[in-house]
Amino acid sequence: MAESRHELSFVAAWHREHPDVLEIWWKIFAEEKDWPAALASAERLATVAPERDTGWVEQAFALHELRRTPEAYERLARVVEQFPKAYVIPYNLACYQCQMGQREEAWRWLKRAVKAADVPTIRAMAMQDPDLAPLRDELARLK
């Protein structure tokens, strides 16, 4: 991460708010588990490039890591219709619902993720995801 930080120090001031640069910063902060900084970077990304799903997904993820899962869910749910092909959004919404004890809602979001991706992809992700552990026994019937 030190090398990445060093390389980013060479980015011209007028490029520091470029969406690609903000995404790199988010990755650095996430790797370092600096969730407040990751959240700030993702919020800035969603502001300067609202058409990219990454800013929304990354800010929700940071909120979840900060144990602000209901807020993560609310922010991501507001933009789900803007990104119908981004399976990661309904997938993450399923994770957040599951962690909030809403298994039926989580299941509904997982089915929506399947429509944007496919069953094997979503099932494989879900089987490894600790956020979806309460649904593991039911994942075999995911269609």
C-alpha atoms as a PDB file:
ATOM      1  CA  MET A   1       0.000   0.000   0.000  1.00  0.00           C
ATOM      2  CA  ALA A   2       2.884   2.358   0.640  1.00  0.00           C
ATOM      3  CA  GLU A   3       3.912   2.043  -2.994  1.00  0.00           C
ATOM      4  CA  SER A   4       0.385   2.833  -4.166  1.00  0.00           C
ATOM      5  CA  ARG A   5       0.236   5.847  -1.898  1.00  0.00           C
ATOM      6  CA  HIS A   6       3.605   6.987  -3.230  1.00  0.00           C
ATOM      7  CA  GLU A   7       2.443   6.670  -6.837  1.00  0.00           C
ATOM      8  CA  LEU A   8      -0.737   8.614  -6.101  1.00  0.00           C
ATOM      9  CA  SER A   9       1.351  11.465  -4.718  1.00  0.00           C
ATOM     10  CA  PHE A  10       2.414  12.165  -8.303  1.00  0.00           C
ATOM     11  CA  VAL A  11      -1.153  12.686  -9.523  1.00  0.00           C
ATOM     12  CA  ALA A  12      -1.657  16.300 -10.514  1.00  0.00           C
ATOM     13  CA  ALA A  13      -3.936  18.263  -8.202  1.00  0.00           C
ATOM     14  CA  TRP A  14      -6.566  18.729 -10.884  1.00  0.00           C
ATOM     15  CA  HIS A  15      -6.765  14.927 -11.353  1.00  0.00           C
ATOM     16  CA  ARG A  16      -7.078  13.981  -7.689  1.00  0.00           C
ATOM     17  CA  GLU A  17     -10.870  13.993  -7.883  1.00  0.00           C
ATOM     18  CA  HIS A  18     -10.981  11.885 -11.035  1.00  0.00           C
ATOM     19  CA  PRO A  19     -13.241   8.865 -10.447  1.00  0.00           C
ATOM     20  CA  ASP A  20     -10.438   6.406 -11.245  1.00  0.00           C
ATOM     21  CA  VAL A  21      -8.180   8.040  -8.656  1.00  0.00           C
ATOM     22  CA  LEU A  22     -10.950   8.021  -6.045  1.00  0.00           C
ATOM     23  CA  GLU A  23     -11.552   4.319  -6.710  1.00  0.00           C
ATOM     24  CA  ILE A  24      -7.868   3.569  -6.157  1.00  0.00           C
ATOM     25  CA  TRP A  25      -7.915   5.514  -2.902  1.00  0.00           C
ATOM     26  CA  TRP A  26     -10.966   3.525  -1.799  1.00  0.00           C
ATOM     27  CA  LYS A  27      -9.117   0.271  -2.479  1.00  0.00           C
ATOM     28  CA  ILE A  28      -6.136   1.461  -0.469  1.00  0.00           C
ATOM     29  CA  PHE A  29      -8.307   2.511   2.467  1.00  0.00           C
ATOM     30  CA  ALA A  30     -10.294  -0.740   2.310  1.00  0.00           C
ATOM     31  CA  GLU A  31      -7.104  -2.802   2.279  1.00  0.00           C
ATOM     32  CA  GLU A  32      -5.944  -0.844   5.322  1.00  0.00           C
ATOM     33  CA  LYS A  33      -9.411  -1.247   6.890  1.00  0.00           C
ATOM     34  CA  ASP A  34      -9.587   2.515   7.322  1.00  0.00           C
ATOM     35  CA  TRP A  35     -13.357   2.533   6.889  1.00  0.00           C
ATOM     36  CA  PRO A  36     -13.963   6.216   7.710  1.00  0.00           C
ATOM     37  CA  ALA A  37     -11.484   7.237   4.986  1.00  0.00           C
ATOM     38  CA  ALA A  38     -12.915   4.617   2.608  1.00  0.00           C
ATOM     39  CA  LEU A  39     -16.398   5.983   3.223  1.00  0.00           C
ATOM     40  CA  ALA A  40     -15.273   9.555   2.530  1.00  0.00           C
ATOM     41  CA  SER A  41     -13.588   8.479  -0.702  1.00  0.00           C
ATOM     42  CA  ALA A  42     -16.649   6.522  -1.857  1.00  0.00           C
ATOM     43  CA  GLU A  43     -19.009   9.371  -0.997  1.00  0.00           C
ATOM     44  CA  ARG A  44     -16.852  11.726  -3.055  1.00  0.00           C
ATOM     45  CA  LEU A  45     -16.827   9.206  -5.918  1.00  0.00           C
ATOM     46  CA  ALA A  46     -20.638   8.962  -5.844  1.00  0.00           C
ATOM     47  CA  THR A  47     -20.797  12.758  -5.976  1.00  0.00           C
ATOM     48  CA  VAL A  48     -18.397  13.278  -8.896  1.00  0.00           C
ATOM     49  CA  ALA A  49     -19.465  10.180 -10.863  1.00  0.00           C
ATOM     50  CA  PRO A  50     -23.010   9.206  -9.830  1.00  0.00           C
ATOM     51  CA  GLU A  51     -23.342   7.171 -13.021  1.00  0.00           C
ATOM     52  CA  ARG A  52     -20.771   4.665 -11.713  1.00  0.00           C
ATOM     53  CA  ASP A  53     -22.133   1.974  -9.451  1.00  0.00           C
ATOM     54  CA  THR A  54     -18.799   1.651  -7.644  1.00  0.00           C
ATOM     55  CA  GLY A  55     -19.206   4.804  -5.563  1.00  0.00           C
ATOM     56  CA  TRP A  56     -22.556   3.621  -4.253  1.00  0.00           C
ATOM     57  CA  VAL A  57     -21.458   0.038  -3.673  1.00  0.00           C
ATOM     58  CA  GLU A  58     -18.221   1.083  -1.969  1.00  0.00           C
ATOM     59  CA  GLN A  59     -19.875   3.600   0.349  1.00  0.00           C
ATOM     60  CA  ALA A  60     -22.468   1.017   1.407  1.00  0.00           C
ATOM     61  CA  PHE A  61     -19.718  -1.526   2.020  1.00  0.00           C
ATOM     62  CA  ALA A  62     -17.760   0.961   4.149  1.00  0.00           C
ATOM     63  CA  LEU A  63     -20.899   1.766   6.152  1.00  0.00           C
ATOM     64  CA  HIS A  64     -21.491  -1.945   6.707  1.00  0.00           C
ATOM     65  CA  GLU A  65     -17.919  -2.365   7.920  1.00  0.00           C
ATOM     66  CA  LEU A  66     -18.490   0.566  10.277  1.00  0.00           C
ATOM     67  CA  ARG A  67     -21.443  -1.402  11.694  1.00  0.00           C
ATOM     68  CA  ARG A  68     -23.915   0.995  10.142  1.00  0.00           C
ATOM     69  CA  THR A  69     -25.658  -1.720   8.138  1.00  0.00           C
ATOM     70  CA  PRO A  70     -29.164  -0.184   8.118  1.00  0.00           C
ATOM     71  CA  GLU A  71     -27.699   2.993   6.634  1.00  0.00           C
ATOM     72  CA  ALA A  72     -25.701   0.940   4.119  1.00  0.00           C
ATOM     73  CA  TYR A  73     -28.902  -0.792   3.056  1.00  0.00           C
ATOM     74  CA  GLU A  74     -30.846   2.462   2.718  1.00  0.00           C
ATOM     75  CA  ARG A  75     -28.192   4.191   0.618  1.00  0.00           C
ATOM     76  CA  LEU A  76     -27.763   1.271  -1.740  1.00  0.00           C
ATOM     77  CA  ALA A  77     -31.499   0.549  -2.029  1.00  0.00           C
ATOM     78  CA  ARG A  78     -32.049   4.117  -3.246  1.00  0.00           C
ATOM     79  CA  VAL A  79     -29.938   3.507  -6.368  1.00  0.00           C
ATOM     80  CA  VAL A  80     -30.690  -0.127  -7.207  1.00  0.00           C
ATOM     81  CA  GLU A  81     -32.999   0.806 -10.099  1.00  0.00           C
ATOM     82  CA  GLN A  82     -30.292   2.970 -11.703  1.00  0.00           C
ATOM     83  CA  PHE A  83     -28.025  -0.056 -12.178  1.00  0.00           C
ATOM     84  CA  PRO A  84     -30.194  -2.997 -13.328  1.00  0.00           C
ATOM     85  CA  LYS A  85     -27.224  -4.993 -14.665  1.00  0.00           C
ATOM     86  CA  ALA A  86     -25.032  -4.605 -11.575  1.00  0.00           C
ATOM     87  CA  TYR A  87     -25.639  -7.868  -9.719  1.00  0.00           C
ATOM     88  CA  VAL A  88     -23.398  -6.740  -6.867  1.00  0.00           C
ATOM     89  CA  ILE A  89     -26.032  -4.226  -5.736  1.00  0.00           C
ATOM     90  CA  PRO A  90     -28.882  -6.683  -5.073  1.00  0.00           C
ATOM     91  CA  TYR A  91     -26.296  -9.172  -3.799  1.00  0.00           C
ATOM     92  CA  ASN A  92     -25.006  -6.673  -1.223  1.00  0.00           C
ATOM     93  CA  LEU A  93     -28.563  -5.682  -0.336  1.00  0.00           C
ATOM     94  CA  ALA A  94     -29.177  -9.375   0.391  1.00  0.00           C
ATOM     95  CA  CYS A  95     -26.134  -9.422   2.659  1.00  0.00           C
ATOM     96  CA  TYR A  96     -27.296  -6.370   4.564  1.00  0.00           C
ATOM     97  CA  GLN A  97     -30.847  -7.681   4.961  1.00  0.00           C
ATOM     98  CA  CYS A  98     -29.527 -11.018   6.161  1.00  0.00           C
ATOM     99  CA  GLN A  99     -27.320  -9.309   8.739  1.00  0.00           C
ATOM    100  CA  MET A 100     -30.315  -7.309   9.946  1.00  0.00           C
ATOM    101  CA  GLY A 101     -32.279 -10.538  10.443  1.00  0.00           C
ATOM    102  CA  GLN A 102     -34.532 -10.091   7.414  1.00  0.00           C
ATOM    103  CA  ARG A 103     -34.036 -13.503   5.792  1.00  0.00           C
ATOM    104  CA  GLU A 104     -37.037 -13.335   3.456  1.00  0.00           C
ATOM    105  CA  GLU A 105     -35.957  -9.942   2.136  1.00  0.00           C
ATOM    106  CA  ALA A 106     -32.407 -11.219   1.797  1.00  0.00           C
ATOM    107  CA  TRP A 107     -33.678 -14.158  -0.233  1.00  0.00           C
ATOM    108  CA  ARG A 108     -35.668 -11.818  -2.486  1.00  0.00           C
ATOM    109  CA  TRP A 109     -32.550  -9.724  -3.169  1.00  0.00           C
ATOM    110  CA  LEU A 110     -30.490 -12.847  -3.900  1.00  0.00           C
ATOM    111  CA  LYS A 111     -33.044 -13.914  -6.516  1.00  0.00           C
ATOM    112  CA  ARG A 112     -32.762 -10.480  -8.084  1.00  0.00           C
ATOM    113  CA  ALA A 113     -28.974 -10.794  -8.141  1.00  0.00           C
ATOM    114  CA  VAL A 114     -29.362 -14.093 -10.010  1.00  0.00           C
ATOM    115  CA  LYS A 115     -31.412 -12.321 -12.686  1.00  0.00           C
ATOM    116  CA  ALA A 116     -28.544  -9.867 -13.226  1.00  0.00           C
ATOM    117  CA  ALA A 117     -25.851 -12.584 -13.173  1.00  0.00           C
ATOM    118  CA  ASP A 118     -26.494 -16.327 -12.979  1.00  0.00           C
ATOM    119  CA  VAL A 119     -27.172 -18.996 -10.373  1.00  0.00           C
ATOM    120  CA  PRO A 120     -23.665 -20.552 -10.232  1.00  0.00           C
ATOM    121  CA  THR A 121     -21.969 -17.162  -9.784  1.00  0.00           C
ATOM    122  CA  ILE A 122     -24.303 -15.974  -7.045  1.00  0.00           C
ATOM    123  CA  ARG A 123     -24.435 -19.345  -5.281  1.00  0.00           C
ATOM    124  CA  ALA A 124     -20.623 -19.600  -5.242  1.00  0.00           C
ATOM    125  CA  MET A 125     -20.298 -16.092  -3.819  1.00  0.00           C
ATOM    126  CA  ALA A 126     -23.030 -16.672  -1.243  1.00  0.00           C
ATOM    127  CA  MET A 127     -21.575 -19.973  -0.053  1.00  0.00           C
ATOM    128  CA  GLN A 128     -18.348 -18.182   0.889  1.00  0.00           C
ATOM    129  CA  ASP A 129     -19.879 -14.990   2.252  1.00  0.00           C
ATOM    130  CA  PRO A 130     -20.074 -14.802   6.056  1.00  0.00           C
ATOM    131  CA  ASP A 131     -22.846 -12.207   5.789  1.00  0.00           C
ATOM    132  CA  LEU A 132     -25.074 -14.828   4.169  1.00  0.00           C
ATOM    133  CA  ALA A 133     -24.188 -17.706   6.511  1.00  0.00           C
ATOM    134  CA  PRO A 134     -27.757 -17.844   7.881  1.00  0.00           C
ATOM    135  CA  LEU A 135     -28.963 -18.775   4.370  1.00  0.00           C
ATOM    136  CA  ARG A 136     -26.371 -21.469   3.590  1.00  0.00           C
ATOM    137  CA  ASP A 137     -28.730 -24.398   4.022  1.00  0.00           C
ATOM    138  CA  GLU A 138     -31.199 -22.830   1.592  1.00  0.00           C
ATOM    139  CA  LEU A 139     -28.743 -21.889  -1.163  1.00  0.00           C
ATOM    140  CA  ALA A 140     -29.100 -25.245  -2.920  1.00  0.00           C
ATOM    141  CA  ARG A 141     -32.622 -24.218  -3.972  1.00  0.00           C
ATOM    142  CA  LEU A 142     -31.535 -20.878  -5.432  1.00  0.00           C
ATOM    143  CA  LYS A 143     -32.885 -20.597  -8.985  1.00  0.00           C
END
